[in-house]
């Protein structure tokens, strides 16, 4: 089963929100993330999570702290 990440793309002529698919991610890949983070930017192209990527600055913005070899 896939998880689809969408972003808003304005409104159509009927006032309905238009969305654009940003990417898909296998549910099994998301379940491997120790924090089960559901944000497209948290996953690499190979679908591995970036909890072990010290340069993943959004983790700090989200309140995580770098400890050893991964964000906690």
PDB file of N, CA and C in Angstrom:
ATOM      1  N   UNK A   1       0.849  -1.174   0.000  1.00  0.00           N
ATOM      2  CA  UNK A   1       0.000   0.000   0.000  1.00  0.00           C
ATOM      3  C   UNK A   1       0.895   1.238   0.000  1.00  0.00           C
ATOM      4  N   UNK A   2       0.501   2.235  -0.758  1.00  0.00           N
ATOM      5  CA  UNK A   2       1.309   3.452  -0.880  1.00  0.00           C
ATOM      6  C   UNK A   2       0.668   4.622  -0.143  1.00  0.00           C
ATOM      7  N   UNK A   3       1.511   5.478   0.364  1.00  0.00           N
ATOM      8  CA  UNK A   3       1.098   6.742   0.971  1.00  0.00           C
ATOM      9  C   UNK A   3       1.378   7.814  -0.071  1.00  0.00           C
ATOM     10  N   UNK A   4       0.406   8.672  -0.341  1.00  0.00           N
ATOM     11  CA  UNK A   4       0.616   9.747  -1.297  1.00  0.00           C
ATOM     12  C   UNK A   4       0.740  11.071  -0.559  1.00  0.00           C
ATOM     13  N   UNK A   5       1.794  11.802  -0.868  1.00  0.00           N
ATOM     14  CA  UNK A   5       2.004  13.132  -0.303  1.00  0.00           C
ATOM     15  C   UNK A   5       1.477  14.140  -1.322  1.00  0.00           C
ATOM     16  N   UNK A   6       0.569  14.998  -0.889  1.00  0.00           N
ATOM     17  CA  UNK A   6      -0.053  15.988  -1.758  1.00  0.00           C
ATOM     18  C   UNK A   6       0.277  17.386  -1.277  1.00  0.00           C
ATOM     19  N   UNK A   7       0.201  18.353  -2.189  1.00  0.00           N
ATOM     20  CA  UNK A   7       0.308  19.748  -1.781  1.00  0.00           C
ATOM     21  C   UNK A   7      -0.830  20.519  -2.429  1.00  0.00           C
ATOM     22  N   UNK A   8      -1.264  21.563  -1.768  1.00  0.00           N
ATOM     23  CA  UNK A   8      -2.346  22.395  -2.298  1.00  0.00           C
ATOM     24  C   UNK A   8      -1.849  23.147  -3.524  1.00  0.00           C
ATOM     25  N   UNK A   9      -2.751  23.284  -4.518  1.00  0.00           N
ATOM     26  CA  UNK A   9      -2.392  23.968  -5.764  1.00  0.00           C
ATOM     27  C   UNK A   9      -3.494  24.953  -6.152  1.00  0.00           C
ATOM     28  N   UNK A  10      -4.040  25.642  -5.163  1.00  0.00           N
ATOM     29  CA  UNK A  10      -5.080  26.631  -5.443  1.00  0.00           C
ATOM     30  C   UNK A  10      -6.469  26.012  -5.469  1.00  0.00           C
ATOM     31  N   UNK A  11      -7.389  26.736  -6.073  1.00  0.00           N
ATOM     32  CA  UNK A  11      -8.791  26.308  -6.126  1.00  0.00           C
ATOM     33  C   UNK A  11      -9.264  26.257  -7.566  1.00  0.00           C
ATOM     34  N   UNK A  12     -10.180  25.338  -7.848  1.00  0.00           N
ATOM     35  CA  UNK A  12     -10.738  25.283  -9.195  1.00  0.00           C
ATOM     36  C   UNK A  12     -11.900  26.265  -9.310  1.00  0.00           C
ATOM     37  N   UNK A  13     -12.569  26.261 -10.473  1.00  0.00           N
ATOM     38  CA  UNK A  13     -13.652  27.218 -10.726  1.00  0.00           C
ATOM     39  C   UNK A  13     -14.871  27.007  -9.824  1.00  0.00           C
ATOM     40  N   UNK A  14     -14.964  25.844  -9.176  1.00  0.00           N
ATOM     41  CA  UNK A  14     -16.068  25.560  -8.252  1.00  0.00           C
ATOM     42  C   UNK A  14     -15.689  25.808  -6.797  1.00  0.00           C
ATOM     43  N   UNK A  15     -14.505  26.336  -6.587  1.00  0.00           N
ATOM     44  CA  UNK A  15     -14.061  26.617  -5.229  1.00  0.00           C
ATOM     45  C   UNK A  15     -13.484  25.416  -4.505  1.00  0.00           C
ATOM     46  N   UNK A  16     -13.284  24.310  -5.229  1.00  0.00           N
ATOM     47  CA  UNK A  16     -12.719  23.102  -4.632  1.00  0.00           C
ATOM     48  C   UNK A  16     -11.197  23.186  -4.644  1.00  0.00           C
ATOM     49  N   UNK A  17     -10.595  22.751  -3.570  1.00  0.00           N
ATOM     50  CA  UNK A  17      -9.142  22.756  -3.456  1.00  0.00           C
ATOM     51  C   UNK A  17      -8.540  21.789  -4.474  1.00  0.00           C
ATOM     52  N   UNK A  18      -7.572  22.262  -5.245  1.00  0.00           N
ATOM     53  CA  UNK A  18      -6.826  21.415  -6.165  1.00  0.00           C
ATOM     54  C   UNK A  18      -5.567  20.951  -5.447  1.00  0.00           C
ATOM     55  N   UNK A  19      -5.217  19.695  -5.678  1.00  0.00           N
ATOM     56  CA  UNK A  19      -3.987  19.171  -5.090  1.00  0.00           C
ATOM     57  C   UNK A  19      -3.105  18.578  -6.178  1.00  0.00           C
ATOM     58  N   UNK A  20      -1.832  18.547  -5.902  1.00  0.00           N
ATOM     59  CA  UNK A  20      -0.847  17.951  -6.798  1.00  0.00           C
ATOM     60  C   UNK A  20      -0.078  16.914  -5.995  1.00  0.00           C
ATOM     61  N   UNK A  21       0.093  15.734  -6.580  1.00  0.00           N
ATOM     62  CA  UNK A  21       0.855  14.690  -5.898  1.00  0.00           C
ATOM     63  C   UNK A  21       2.333  15.052  -5.933  1.00  0.00           C
ATOM     64  N   UNK A  22       2.945  15.084  -4.760  1.00  0.00           N
ATOM     65  CA  UNK A  22       4.369  15.380  -4.636  1.00  0.00           C
ATOM     66  C   UNK A  22       5.176  14.097  -4.849  1.00  0.00           C
ATOM     67  N   UNK A  23       4.755  13.045  -4.190  1.00  0.00           N
ATOM     68  CA  UNK A  23       5.424  11.748  -4.326  1.00  0.00           C
ATOM     69  C   UNK A  23       4.616  10.676  -3.632  1.00  0.00           C
ATOM     70  N   UNK A  24       4.962   9.442  -3.893  1.00  0.00           N
ATOM     71  CA  UNK A  24       4.368   8.292  -3.212  1.00  0.00           C
ATOM     72  C   UNK A  24       5.456   7.603  -2.401  1.00  0.00           C
ATOM     73  N   UNK A  25       5.035   6.911  -1.368  1.00  0.00           N
ATOM     74  CA  UNK A  25       5.956   6.192  -0.500  1.00  0.00           C
ATOM     75  C   UNK A  25       5.270   4.911  -0.065  1.00  0.00           C
ATOM     76  N   UNK A  26       5.973   3.797  -0.137  1.00  0.00           N
ATOM     77  CA  UNK A  26       5.394   2.548   0.331  1.00  0.00           C
ATOM     78  C   UNK A  26       5.165   2.620   1.836  1.00  0.00           C
ATOM     79  N   UNK A  27       4.040   2.105   2.266  1.00  0.00           N
ATOM     80  CA  UNK A  27       3.724   2.114   3.694  1.00  0.00           C
ATOM     81  C   UNK A  27       4.811   1.389   4.479  1.00  0.00           C
ATOM     82  N   UNK A  28       5.344   0.327   3.930  1.00  0.00           N
ATOM     83  CA  UNK A  28       6.390  -0.434   4.628  1.00  0.00           C
ATOM     84  C   UNK A  28       7.637   0.419   4.851  1.00  0.00           C
ATOM     85  N   UNK A  29       7.919   1.347   3.940  1.00  0.00           N
ATOM     86  CA  UNK A  29       9.068   2.239   4.115  1.00  0.00           C
ATOM     87  C   UNK A  29       8.826   3.208   5.267  1.00  0.00           C
ATOM     88  N   UNK A  30       7.633   3.761   5.346  1.00  0.00           N
ATOM     89  CA  UNK A  30       7.299   4.689   6.433  1.00  0.00           C
ATOM     90  C   UNK A  30       7.347   3.978   7.784  1.00  0.00           C
ATOM     91  N   UNK A  31       6.931   2.725   7.815  1.00  0.00           N
ATOM     92  CA  UNK A  31       6.931   1.975   9.077  1.00  0.00           C
ATOM     93  C   UNK A  31       8.337   1.662   9.574  1.00  0.00           C
ATOM     94  N   UNK A  32       9.341   1.726   8.693  1.00  0.00           N
ATOM     95  CA  UNK A  32      10.730   1.496   9.106  1.00  0.00           C
ATOM     96  C   UNK A  32      11.326   2.709   9.806  1.00  0.00           C
ATOM     97  N   UNK A  33      10.721   3.875   9.646  1.00  0.00           N
ATOM     98  CA  UNK A  33      11.215   5.087  10.306  1.00  0.00           C
ATOM     99  C   UNK A  33      10.949   4.968  11.806  1.00  0.00           C
ATOM    100  N   UNK A  34      11.982   5.136  12.642  1.00  0.00           N
ATOM    101  CA  UNK A  34      11.783   4.989  14.086  1.00  0.00           C
ATOM    102  C   UNK A  34      10.800   5.993  14.687  1.00  0.00           C
ATOM    103  N   UNK A  35      10.567   7.107  14.006  1.00  0.00           N
ATOM    104  CA  UNK A  35       9.628   8.121  14.506  1.00  0.00           C
ATOM    105  C   UNK A  35       8.339   8.170  13.689  1.00  0.00           C
ATOM    106  N   UNK A  36       8.225   7.311  12.668  1.00  0.00           N
ATOM    107  CA  UNK A  36       7.064   7.249  11.772  1.00  0.00           C
ATOM    108  C   UNK A  36       6.667   8.651  11.292  1.00  0.00           C
ATOM    109  N   UNK A  37       7.628   9.362  10.743  1.00  0.00           N
ATOM    110  CA  UNK A  37       7.412  10.729  10.265  1.00  0.00           C
ATOM    111  C   UNK A  37       6.761  10.686   8.895  1.00  0.00           C
ATOM    112  N   UNK A  38       5.671  11.417   8.743  1.00  0.00           N
ATOM    113  CA  UNK A  38       4.947  11.460   7.474  1.00  0.00           C
ATOM    114  C   UNK A  38       5.127  12.823   6.818  1.00  0.00           C
ATOM    115  N   UNK A  39       6.316  13.053   6.311  1.00  0.00           N
ATOM    116  CA  UNK A  39       6.641  14.273   5.573  1.00  0.00           C
ATOM    117  C   UNK A  39       7.498  13.852   4.388  1.00  0.00           C
ATOM    118  N   UNK A  40       7.114  14.268   3.195  1.00  0.00           N
ATOM    119  CA  UNK A  40       7.804  13.834   1.976  1.00  0.00           C
ATOM    120  C   UNK A  40       9.306  14.096   2.034  1.00  0.00           C
ATOM    121  N   UNK A  41       9.699  15.249   2.579  1.00  0.00           N
ATOM    122  CA  UNK A  41      11.112  15.615   2.609  1.00  0.00           C
ATOM    123  C   UNK A  41      11.937  14.760   3.570  1.00  0.00           C
ATOM    124  N   UNK A  42      11.278  13.942   4.363  1.00  0.00           N
ATOM    125  CA  UNK A  42      11.987  13.102   5.324  1.00  0.00           C
ATOM    126  C   UNK A  42      12.508  11.809   4.689  1.00  0.00           C
ATOM    127  N   UNK A  43      12.137  11.543   3.447  1.00  0.00           N
ATOM    128  CA  UNK A  43      12.516  10.285   2.799  1.00  0.00           C
ATOM    129  C   UNK A  43      13.387  10.530   1.571  1.00  0.00           C
ATOM    130  N   UNK A  44      14.402   9.703   1.431  1.00  0.00           N
ATOM    131  CA  UNK A  44      15.291   9.763   0.267  1.00  0.00           C
ATOM    132  C   UNK A  44      14.588   9.128  -0.940  1.00  0.00           C
ATOM    133  N   UNK A  45      15.196   9.260  -2.104  1.00  0.00           N
ATOM    134  CA  UNK A  45      14.634   8.672  -3.325  1.00  0.00           C
ATOM    135  C   UNK A  45      14.503   7.152  -3.231  1.00  0.00           C
ATOM    136  N   UNK A  46      15.384   6.507  -2.444  1.00  0.00           N
ATOM    137  CA  UNK A  46      15.298   5.052  -2.275  1.00  0.00           C
ATOM    138  C   UNK A  46      14.297   4.664  -1.182  1.00  0.00           C
ATOM    139  N   UNK A  47      13.562   5.637  -0.667  1.00  0.00           N
ATOM    140  CA  UNK A  47      12.515   5.486   0.360  1.00  0.00           C
ATOM    141  C   UNK A  47      13.054   5.225   1.764  1.00  0.00           C
ATOM    142  N   UNK A  48      14.349   5.339   1.982  1.00  0.00           N
ATOM    143  CA  UNK A  48      14.873   5.227   3.346  1.00  0.00           C
ATOM    144  C   UNK A  48      14.650   6.567   4.057  1.00  0.00           C
ATOM    145  N   UNK A  49      14.435   6.497   5.360  1.00  0.00           N
ATOM    146  CA  UNK A  49      14.199   7.729   6.109  1.00  0.00           C
ATOM    147  C   UNK A  49      15.513   8.431   6.403  1.00  0.00           C
ATOM    148  N   UNK A  50      15.424   9.679   6.754  1.00  0.00           N
ATOM    149  CA  UNK A  50      16.618  10.499   6.978  1.00  0.00           C
ATOM    150  C   UNK A  50      16.909  10.713   8.464  1.00  0.00           C
ATOM    151  N   UNK A  51      16.443   9.825   9.318  1.00  0.00           N
ATOM    152  CA  UNK A  51      16.733   9.944  10.752  1.00  0.00           C
ATOM    153  C   UNK A  51      18.228   9.824  11.042  1.00  0.00           C
ATOM    154  N   UNK A  52      18.983   9.274  10.089  1.00  0.00           N
ATOM    155  CA  UNK A  52      20.426   9.126  10.266  1.00  0.00           C
ATOM    156  C   UNK A  52      21.213  10.176   9.475  1.00  0.00           C
ATOM    157  N   UNK A  53      20.541  11.214   9.010  1.00  0.00           N
ATOM    158  CA  UNK A  53      21.161  12.261   8.196  1.00  0.00           C
ATOM    159  C   UNK A  53      21.322  13.534   9.024  1.00  0.00           C
ATOM    160  N   UNK A  54      22.543  13.775   9.475  1.00  0.00           N
ATOM    161  CA  UNK A  54      22.797  14.943  10.330  1.00  0.00           C
ATOM    162  C   UNK A  54      22.461  16.256   9.622  1.00  0.00           C
ATOM    163  N   UNK A  55      22.490  16.272   8.287  1.00  0.00           N
ATOM    164  CA  UNK A  55      22.196  17.479   7.511  1.00  0.00           C
ATOM    165  C   UNK A  55      20.696  17.714   7.310  1.00  0.00           C
ATOM    166  N   UNK A  56      19.870  16.841   7.803  1.00  0.00           N
ATOM    167  CA  UNK A  56      18.407  16.952   7.673  1.00  0.00           C
ATOM    168  C   UNK A  56      17.905  17.962   8.719  1.00  0.00           C
ATOM    169  N   UNK A  57      18.047  19.241   8.397  1.00  0.00           N
ATOM    170  CA  UNK A  57      17.799  20.323   9.363  1.00  0.00           C
ATOM    171  C   UNK A  57      16.346  20.429   9.809  1.00  0.00           C
ATOM    172  N   UNK A  58      15.413  19.906   9.013  1.00  0.00           N
ATOM    173  CA  UNK A  58      14.002  19.945   9.443  1.00  0.00           C
ATOM    174  C   UNK A  58      13.808  19.182  10.742  1.00  0.00           C
ATOM    175  N   UNK A  59      14.622  18.152  10.969  1.00  0.00           N
ATOM    176  CA  UNK A  59      14.503  17.385  12.210  1.00  0.00           C
ATOM    177  C   UNK A  59      14.692  18.298  13.419  1.00  0.00           C
ATOM    178  N   UNK A  60      15.676  19.198  13.342  1.00  0.00           N
ATOM    179  CA  UNK A  60      15.912  20.138  14.442  1.00  0.00           C
ATOM    180  C   UNK A  60      14.707  21.069  14.587  1.00  0.00           C
ATOM    181  N   UNK A  61      14.184  21.540  13.461  1.00  0.00           N
ATOM    182  CA  UNK A  61      13.008  22.416  13.491  1.00  0.00           C
ATOM    183  C   UNK A  61      11.814  21.706  14.113  1.00  0.00           C
ATOM    184  N   UNK A  62      11.727  20.395  13.916  1.00  0.00           N
ATOM    185  CA  UNK A  62      10.620  19.616  14.452  1.00  0.00           C
ATOM    186  C   UNK A  62      10.826  19.232  15.912  1.00  0.00           C
ATOM    187  N   UNK A  63      11.977  19.624  16.504  1.00  0.00           N
ATOM    188  CA  UNK A  63      12.218  19.385  17.924  1.00  0.00           C
ATOM    189  C   UNK A  63      13.099  18.202  18.253  1.00  0.00           C
ATOM    190  N   UNK A  64      13.643  17.532  17.246  1.00  0.00           N
ATOM    191  CA  UNK A  64      14.534  16.399  17.504  1.00  0.00           C
ATOM    192  C   UNK A  64      15.942  16.895  17.784  1.00  0.00           C
ATOM    193  N   UNK A  65      16.731  16.066  18.467  1.00  0.00           N
ATOM    194  CA  UNK A  65      18.117  16.404  18.787  1.00  0.00           C
ATOM    195  C   UNK A  65      19.025  15.317  18.223  1.00  0.00           C
ATOM    196  N   UNK A  66      20.170  15.744  17.670  1.00  0.00           N
ATOM    197  CA  UNK A  66      21.142  14.805  17.122  1.00  0.00           C
ATOM    198  C   UNK A  66      21.885  14.131  18.271  1.00  0.00           C
ATOM    199  N   UNK A  67      21.817  12.800  18.330  1.00  0.00           N
ATOM    200  CA  UNK A  67      22.497  12.050  19.382  1.00  0.00           C
ATOM    201  C   UNK A  67      23.213  10.878  18.740  1.00  0.00           C
ATOM    202  N   UNK A  68      24.532  10.967  18.710  1.00  0.00           N
ATOM    203  CA  UNK A  68      25.334   9.881  18.152  1.00  0.00           C
ATOM    204  C   UNK A  68      25.251   9.797  16.659  1.00  0.00           C
ATOM    205  N   UNK A  69      24.445   8.842  16.183  1.00  0.00           N
ATOM    206  CA  UNK A  69      24.346   8.605  14.752  1.00  0.00           C
ATOM    207  C   UNK A  69      22.949   8.848  14.186  1.00  0.00           C
ATOM    208  N   UNK A  70      22.057   9.420  14.982  1.00  0.00           N
ATOM    209  CA  UNK A  70      20.705   9.658  14.469  1.00  0.00           C
ATOM    210  C   UNK A  70      19.965  10.711  15.287  1.00  0.00           C
ATOM    211  N   UNK A  71      18.904  11.207  14.712  1.00  0.00           N
ATOM    212  CA  UNK A  71      18.034  12.181  15.394  1.00  0.00           C
ATOM    213  C   UNK A  71      17.159  11.434  16.383  1.00  0.00           C
ATOM    214  N   UNK A  72      17.031  12.022  17.583  1.00  0.00           N
ATOM    215  CA  UNK A  72      16.205  11.410  18.643  1.00  0.00           C
ATOM    216  C   UNK A  72      15.228  12.431  19.183  1.00  0.00           C
TER     217      UNK A  72
END
